[in-house]
Each structure stands twice: as structure tokens, then as C-alpha cells.
Protein backbone atom coordinates (compact mmCIF):
# COMPACT_ATOMS: atom_id res chain seq x y z
CA MET A 1 0.00 0.00 0.00
CA ASP A 2 1.57 3.27 -1.14
CA VAL A 3 0.67 5.78 1.57
CA ILE A 4 1.87 8.77 -0.45
CA LYS A 5 -0.40 7.87 -3.39
CA ILE A 6 -3.36 7.44 -1.04
CA VAL A 7 -2.72 10.82 0.58
CA ILE A 8 -2.50 12.46 -2.85
CA LEU A 9 -5.76 10.77 -3.87
CA LEU A 10 -7.56 12.02 -0.76
CA ILE A 11 -6.27 15.56 -1.19
CA GLY A 12 -7.37 15.42 -4.83
CA ALA A 13 -10.75 14.03 -3.77
CA TYR A 14 -11.33 16.95 -1.41
CA ALA A 15 -10.28 19.40 -4.14
CA VAL A 16 -12.69 17.81 -6.63
CA GLY A 17 -15.46 18.09 -4.04
CA ASN A 18 -14.84 21.84 -3.89
CA LEU A 19 -16.03 22.20 -7.50
CA LEU A 20 -19.70 22.99 -6.89
CA THR A 21 -21.63 22.30 -10.08
CA ALA A 22 -24.57 24.54 -9.15
CA THR A 23 -22.37 27.61 -8.70
CA VAL A 24 -20.64 26.99 -12.04
CA ILE A 25 -23.93 26.46 -13.90
CA GLY A 26 -25.53 29.44 -12.18
CA LYS A 27 -22.76 31.81 -13.17
CA LEU A 28 -22.19 30.46 -16.71
CA LEU A 29 -25.77 29.83 -17.85
CA TYR A 30 -27.91 32.10 -15.67
CA ARG A 31 -25.53 34.87 -14.58
CA ASP A 32 -26.59 34.39 -10.98
CA ASP A 33 -25.09 33.01 -7.77
CA ILE A 34 -27.14 30.07 -6.52
CA ARG A 35 -25.90 30.73 -2.98
CA SER A 36 -27.82 34.00 -2.89
CA ALA A 37 -31.05 32.55 -4.33
CA GLY A 38 -33.73 30.25 -2.98
CA SER A 39 -32.49 28.36 0.08
CA GLY A 40 -28.93 29.39 -0.75
CA ASN A 41 -27.85 25.76 -0.95
CA PRO A 42 -25.62 25.02 -3.99
CA GLY A 43 -27.22 21.66 -4.66
CA ALA A 44 -29.44 20.09 -7.31
CA ARG A 45 -32.77 20.68 -5.56
CA ASN A 46 -32.20 24.38 -5.01
CA ALA A 47 -30.79 24.76 -8.53
CA GLY A 48 -33.98 23.18 -9.83
CA ARG A 49 -36.19 25.47 -7.79
CA VAL A 50 -34.30 28.60 -8.81
CA PHE A 51 -33.22 27.92 -12.39
CA GLY A 52 -35.48 25.07 -13.55
CA LYS A 53 -35.34 21.38 -14.49
CA THR A 54 -32.32 21.68 -16.78
CA ALA A 55 -30.27 23.17 -13.97
CA PHE A 56 -31.43 20.39 -11.64
CA VAL A 57 -30.36 17.66 -14.05
CA LEU A 58 -27.02 19.28 -14.87
CA THR A 59 -26.23 19.91 -11.22
CA PHE A 60 -27.18 16.39 -10.19
CA LEU A 61 -25.07 14.84 -12.95
CA GLY A 62 -22.11 17.11 -12.26
CA ASP A 63 -22.10 16.46 -8.52
CA ALA A 64 -22.68 12.72 -9.03
CA LEU A 65 -19.79 12.61 -11.49
CA LYS A 66 -17.45 13.93 -8.79
CA GLY A 67 -18.21 10.99 -6.52
CA ALA A 68 -18.03 8.49 -9.36
CA LEU A 69 -14.74 9.88 -10.68
CA VAL A 70 -12.97 9.68 -7.33
CA VAL A 71 -14.16 6.12 -6.67
CA LEU A 72 -13.19 5.00 -10.17
CA ILE A 73 -9.72 6.48 -9.74
CA ALA A 74 -9.40 4.64 -6.41
CA LYS A 75 -10.43 1.43 -8.17
CA TRP A 76 -7.92 2.09 -10.94
CA MET A 77 -5.21 2.51 -8.31
CA GLY A 78 -6.12 -0.93 -7.00
CA LEU A 79 -7.12 0.28 -3.55
CA GLU A 80 -9.12 -1.93 -1.24
CA GLU A 81 -12.87 -1.42 -1.20
CA TRP A 82 -12.93 0.26 2.20
CA LEU A 83 -10.36 2.79 0.99
CA GLN A 84 -12.51 3.48 -2.06
CA LEU A 85 -15.31 4.41 0.33
CA VAL A 86 -12.96 6.58 2.36
CA ALA A 87 -12.19 8.45 -0.88
CA LEU A 88 -15.95 8.87 -1.41
CA LEU A 89 -16.28 10.24 2.12
CA VAL A 90 -13.54 12.79 1.44
CA VAL A 91 -15.02 14.02 -1.85
CA MET A 92 -18.37 14.37 -0.08
CA ALA A 93 -16.65 16.37 2.66
CA GLY A 94 -15.14 18.61 -0.01
CA HIS A 95 -18.57 19.14 -1.53
CA ILE A 96 -20.27 19.84 1.79
CA TYR A 97 -17.46 21.88 3.38
CA PRO A 98 -15.56 23.44 0.44
CA ILE A 99 -12.68 25.59 1.62
CA VAL A 100 -12.78 27.70 -1.56
CA HIS A 101 -16.41 28.60 -0.81
CA LYS A 102 -15.86 29.35 2.89
CA PHE A 103 -17.10 25.87 3.85
CA ARG A 104 -20.56 26.61 2.48
CA GLY A 105 -21.44 23.76 0.14
CA GLY A 106 -24.18 21.33 -0.79
CA GLN A 107 -25.55 18.39 1.16
CA GLY A 108 -23.75 15.57 -0.59
CA VAL A 109 -26.63 13.41 -1.82
CA SER A 110 -25.77 13.55 -5.54
CA THR A 111 -22.09 12.97 -4.84
CA PHE A 112 -22.96 10.02 -2.60
CA ILE A 113 -25.21 8.46 -5.24
CA GLY A 114 -22.61 8.88 -7.98
CA GLY A 115 -19.87 7.43 -5.81
CA MET A 116 -21.95 4.46 -4.71
CA LEU A 117 -23.01 3.82 -8.30
CA ALA A 118 -19.35 3.56 -9.29
CA PHE A 119 -18.51 1.53 -6.19
CA HIS A 120 -21.35 -1.03 -6.30
CA PRO A 121 -24.27 -0.40 -8.71
CA LEU A 122 -26.43 -3.08 -7.08
CA VAL A 123 -26.42 -1.17 -3.78
CA VAL A 124 -27.87 1.85 -5.59
CA ALA A 125 -30.41 -0.39 -7.31
CA CYS A 126 -31.49 -1.71 -3.89
CA PHE A 127 -32.11 1.68 -2.32
CA VAL A 128 -33.86 2.94 -5.45
CA VAL A 129 -36.25 -0.02 -5.24
CA VAL A 130 -36.88 0.69 -1.55
CA PHE A 131 -37.56 4.34 -2.38
CA LEU A 132 -40.02 3.45 -5.16
CA ILE A 133 -41.87 1.01 -2.89
CA PHE A 134 -42.28 3.29 0.12
CA TYR A 135 -42.60 6.76 -1.39
CA PRO A 136 -46.25 6.32 -2.54
CA PHE A 137 -47.19 5.52 1.06
CA VAL A 138 -45.04 8.01 2.99
CA LYS A 139 -45.03 10.75 0.32
CA ASN A 140 -42.04 12.56 1.78
CA PHE A 141 -39.09 12.70 -0.62
CA THR A 142 -36.44 13.53 1.97
CA LEU A 143 -37.56 11.03 4.62
CA VAL A 144 -37.93 8.10 2.22
CA GLY A 145 -34.82 9.00 0.26
CA MET A 146 -32.57 9.34 3.29
CA SER A 147 -34.02 6.18 4.84
CA ALA A 148 -33.40 4.21 1.66
CA MET A 149 -29.84 5.50 1.32
CA GLY A 150 -29.30 4.88 5.03
CA LEU A 151 -29.86 1.17 4.37
CA SER A 152 -26.91 1.08 1.94
CA PRO A 153 -24.51 -0.63 4.40
CA LEU A 154 -27.08 -3.37 4.98
CA PHE A 155 -27.48 -3.91 1.24
CA LEU A 156 -23.71 -3.88 0.79
CA PHE A 157 -23.16 -6.47 3.48
CA GLY A 158 -25.91 -8.64 2.04
CA LEU A 159 -24.23 -8.52 -1.36
CA THR A 160 -20.59 -8.89 -0.28
CA LYS A 161 -20.50 -10.32 3.27
CA GLU A 162 -17.39 -8.17 3.76
CA TRP A 163 -17.06 -6.28 7.05
CA PRO A 164 -14.31 -3.71 6.27
CA GLN A 165 -16.20 -2.10 3.40
CA THR A 166 -19.50 -2.39 5.29
CA VAL A 167 -18.05 -0.48 8.26
CA ALA A 168 -16.69 2.16 5.87
CA ALA A 169 -20.14 2.40 4.27
CA ILE A 170 -21.71 2.87 7.72
CA ILE A 171 -19.37 5.81 8.36
CA VAL A 172 -20.17 7.37 4.97
CA VAL A 173 -23.92 7.03 5.53
CA ALA A 174 -23.66 8.29 9.11
CA PHE A 175 -21.91 11.40 7.77
CA LEU A 176 -24.66 11.91 5.19
CA LEU A 177 -27.41 11.52 7.80
CA PHE A 178 -25.59 13.89 10.14
CA ILE A 179 -25.56 16.56 7.44
CA HIS A 180 -29.33 16.12 7.00
CA ARG A 181 -30.12 15.94 10.70
CA LYS A 182 -32.01 19.24 10.76
CA ASP A 183 -34.22 18.27 7.82
CA LEU A 184 -34.96 14.88 9.38
CA HIS A 185 -35.68 16.47 12.76
CA SER A 186 -38.14 18.91 11.16
CA ILE A 187 -39.89 16.05 9.39
CA VAL A 188 -40.25 14.07 12.62
CA ILE A 189 -41.59 17.12 14.49
CA GLY A 190 -44.07 17.79 11.68
CA TYR A 191 -45.21 14.17 11.71
CA ARG A 192 -45.79 14.24 15.48
CA ARG A 193 -47.85 17.43 15.21
CA LYS A 194 -49.96 15.90 12.48
CA GLN A 195 -50.55 12.82 14.67
CA ARG A 196 -51.71 15.01 17.57
CA ASN A 197 -54.16 16.86 15.34
């Protein structure tokens, strides 16, 4: 294991994460800063709300590509699976806490999906199926989506029976859920109020 190469990969992963697709698209195509519009979040959902469907798709694809690219490079380097997921965690951290944007970034969902798709497509297929099954009943995009993605380590273990990469996946998902803790808390509070009424 070449430690220097791994360190360079992780530094590069964080740098790639700093490239926020929504800010680039906003400035190039719409002459506007996404961080000063809508919710101010430079992610696909806010880009879609502010600029429209095309901006949503382009932002999602661009941010997903960052995760996929880093994982594919880690694979090309022959790194173990758990290290590939560490690289995904770092590119997500770069996207969420970009130093070049004063640590004000997106929420990492698109980057997570792209990275997991490159890492193990069947895991993504599993949480997409779970989402499609439960969304018509729950009808809350964030709650169902985060719950489905949160099951990724379970799907991964079921498919591989490998603990090192499963533990790494748990850490990645825990980070993603931590970033969305406020949204999830608001959803739970809203659900409880609805139950009382």
C-alpha cells in the first residue's frame, strides 16, 4: 500500500469536491449566484427550484460525477474497497465543506449516489427499489430517500459479506445523515404534530 499515493488521492478528492456544479452552472448559464437565491444551498434541488429542471439535471449529474470519478480512480489505483469508500467520504466532505467557498457547500446526496453507483451499482439499485416502494405511502421525498440510502450498508453487506467495506459504508452514511439531521428532525416534528391533530 503506497501511503503517499493514497494521501495524494484524498487531497485530490477533497479538491474535486470543492467544484460545486450549481455555482458553475448558475454563473455560466444564468448569470446568478445560486448561494444567494432560494435556500442558498448550492445543490441540485435548489438549482432546480431557482433555475429550472435543466439546472437540476445538470447539477445532479455534475455532482454525481465527482463521486463516481474519485471512486473510479481509487479502483484504478487498486485500492481496497474500504479505501474506495474513504475516498468517497472525502469528496463528499469537499462538496459539503468546500474551503474555496468558505465551507458553504451542498448536502452531498448527488455525490454520494454517484460514488456508490461507481462503487457497487447493485447497492444503488437496492435503495432505489426501496424508495419506489415506500414513497407512494409516505409521500415525503427527503424522509424516504434518506431512509433508503441509510440502508446502503445493509445492502452492501448482504451482497458482499465483507465487514471492512460495510463499516466504511456505515461511516459514509452516518456522515450523510448527520448533514441532513435538521431536515430529518423537522420532518419528525411535523409528523408528530400531524398525529396530535
